[in-house]
N, C-alpha and C. Protein backbone atom coordinates (compact mmCIF):
# COMPACT_ATOMS: atom_id res chain seq x y z
N UNK A 1 80.37 114.10 127.92
CA UNK A 1 81.77 113.88 127.58
C UNK A 1 82.45 115.19 127.21
N UNK A 2 81.77 116.03 126.47
CA UNK A 2 82.37 117.29 126.05
C UNK A 2 82.68 118.17 127.27
N UNK A 3 81.81 118.12 128.28
CA UNK A 3 82.04 118.91 129.48
C UNK A 3 83.31 118.43 130.19
N UNK A 4 83.51 117.13 130.21
CA UNK A 4 84.70 116.57 130.85
C UNK A 4 85.95 117.00 130.10
N UNK A 5 85.91 116.95 128.78
CA UNK A 5 87.07 117.37 127.98
C UNK A 5 87.36 118.85 128.22
N UNK A 6 86.31 119.65 128.33
CA UNK A 6 86.50 121.07 128.55
C UNK A 6 87.21 121.32 129.89
N UNK A 7 86.79 120.59 130.91
CA UNK A 7 87.40 120.74 132.23
C UNK A 7 88.87 120.34 132.17
N UNK A 8 89.16 119.24 131.48
CA UNK A 8 90.54 118.78 131.35
C UNK A 8 91.37 119.81 130.60
N UNK A 9 90.80 120.41 129.56
CA UNK A 9 91.52 121.42 128.79
C UNK A 9 91.80 122.64 129.67
N UNK A 10 90.87 122.99 130.53
CA UNK A 10 91.06 124.12 131.43
C UNK A 10 92.22 123.87 132.38
N UNK A 11 92.29 122.65 132.91
CA UNK A 11 93.40 122.31 133.81
C UNK A 11 94.72 122.34 133.06
N UNK A 12 94.73 121.85 131.83
CA UNK A 12 95.95 121.85 131.03
C UNK A 12 96.40 123.28 130.77
N UNK A 13 95.45 124.16 130.47
CA UNK A 13 95.80 125.56 130.21
C UNK A 13 96.42 126.19 131.45
N UNK A 14 95.84 125.90 132.61
CA UNK A 14 96.37 126.45 133.85
C UNK A 14 97.79 125.96 134.08
N UNK A 15 98.04 124.70 133.76
CA UNK A 15 99.37 124.13 133.94
C UNK A 15 100.37 124.79 133.02
N UNK A 16 99.99 124.95 131.76
CA UNK A 16 100.92 125.50 130.77
C UNK A 16 101.12 127.00 130.92
N UNK A 17 100.28 127.66 131.73
CA UNK A 17 100.43 129.10 131.90
C UNK A 17 101.38 129.45 133.04
N UNK A 18 102.04 128.44 133.59
CA UNK A 18 103.02 128.70 134.64
C UNK A 18 104.10 129.64 134.11
N UNK A 19 104.63 130.45 135.00
CA UNK A 19 105.67 131.38 134.57
C UNK A 19 106.94 130.63 134.19
N UNK A 20 107.77 131.27 133.38
CA UNK A 20 109.02 130.66 132.96
C UNK A 20 109.90 130.34 134.16
N UNK A 21 109.91 131.24 135.14
CA UNK A 21 110.74 131.02 136.33
C UNK A 21 110.26 129.79 137.10
N UNK A 22 108.94 129.63 137.21
CA UNK A 22 108.39 128.47 137.92
C UNK A 22 108.75 127.18 137.18
N UNK A 23 108.65 127.22 135.85
CA UNK A 23 109.03 126.04 135.06
C UNK A 23 110.51 125.72 135.26
N UNK A 24 111.35 126.76 135.28
CA UNK A 24 112.78 126.56 135.50
C UNK A 24 113.01 125.88 136.85
N UNK A 25 112.32 126.39 137.88
CA UNK A 25 112.50 125.81 139.22
C UNK A 25 112.07 124.36 139.24
N UNK A 26 110.93 124.04 138.60
CA UNK A 26 110.45 122.65 138.57
C UNK A 26 111.43 121.76 137.82
N UNK A 27 111.89 122.23 136.66
CA UNK A 27 112.83 121.44 135.87
C UNK A 27 114.14 121.26 136.63
N UNK A 28 114.61 122.32 137.26
CA UNK A 28 115.86 122.25 138.01
C UNK A 28 115.74 121.23 139.13
N UNK A 29 114.56 121.17 139.77
CA UNK A 29 114.34 120.21 140.84
C UNK A 29 114.23 118.79 140.31
N UNK A 30 113.52 118.61 139.20
CA UNK A 30 113.31 117.28 138.65
C UNK A 30 114.59 116.70 138.06
N UNK A 31 115.40 117.57 137.46
CA UNK A 31 116.60 117.10 136.78
C UNK A 31 117.88 117.54 137.49
N UNK A 32 117.79 117.70 138.79
CA UNK A 32 118.96 118.13 139.56
C UNK A 32 120.13 117.18 139.36
N UNK A 33 119.83 115.90 139.19
CA UNK A 33 120.88 114.90 139.00
C UNK A 33 121.57 115.07 137.64
N UNK A 34 120.80 115.51 136.65
CA UNK A 34 121.33 115.60 135.29
C UNK A 34 121.97 116.95 135.03
N UNK A 35 121.23 118.03 135.34
CA UNK A 35 121.72 119.38 135.06
C UNK A 35 122.41 119.94 136.30
N UNK A 36 123.67 119.62 136.47
CA UNK A 36 124.41 120.10 137.63
C UNK A 36 124.86 121.54 137.38
N UNK A 37 125.02 122.32 138.45
CA UNK A 37 125.42 123.74 138.31
C UNK A 37 126.65 123.92 137.45
N UNK A 38 127.64 123.06 137.58
CA UNK A 38 128.86 123.22 136.78
C UNK A 38 128.61 122.98 135.30
N UNK A 39 127.55 122.22 134.98
CA UNK A 39 127.22 121.96 133.58
C UNK A 39 126.36 123.08 132.99
N UNK A 40 125.53 123.71 133.84
CA UNK A 40 124.62 124.74 133.35
C UNK A 40 124.54 125.88 134.37
N UNK A 41 125.58 126.71 134.46
CA UNK A 41 125.61 127.79 135.46
C UNK A 41 124.46 128.77 135.31
N UNK A 42 123.96 128.95 134.08
CA UNK A 42 122.88 129.91 133.88
C UNK A 42 121.60 129.43 134.54
N UNK A 43 121.41 128.11 134.66
CA UNK A 43 120.21 127.59 135.31
C UNK A 43 120.29 127.80 136.81
N UNK A 44 121.43 127.50 137.41
CA UNK A 44 121.57 127.66 138.85
C UNK A 44 121.54 129.14 139.24
N UNK A 45 122.04 130.00 138.36
CA UNK A 45 122.05 131.43 138.63
C UNK A 45 120.63 131.98 138.65
N UNK A 46 119.75 131.43 137.81
CA UNK A 46 118.36 131.88 137.75
C UNK A 46 117.66 131.44 139.02
């Protein structure tokens, strides 16, 4: 069981180590309906 938790933790670490720009792109894609360019120009500019 501990080995399984360790593997899961490793995957979580890899996920959370994404660059800020990559996170912005993912969030911008997921919330495109909510965060429109006119509402958040700094996000679309990035």
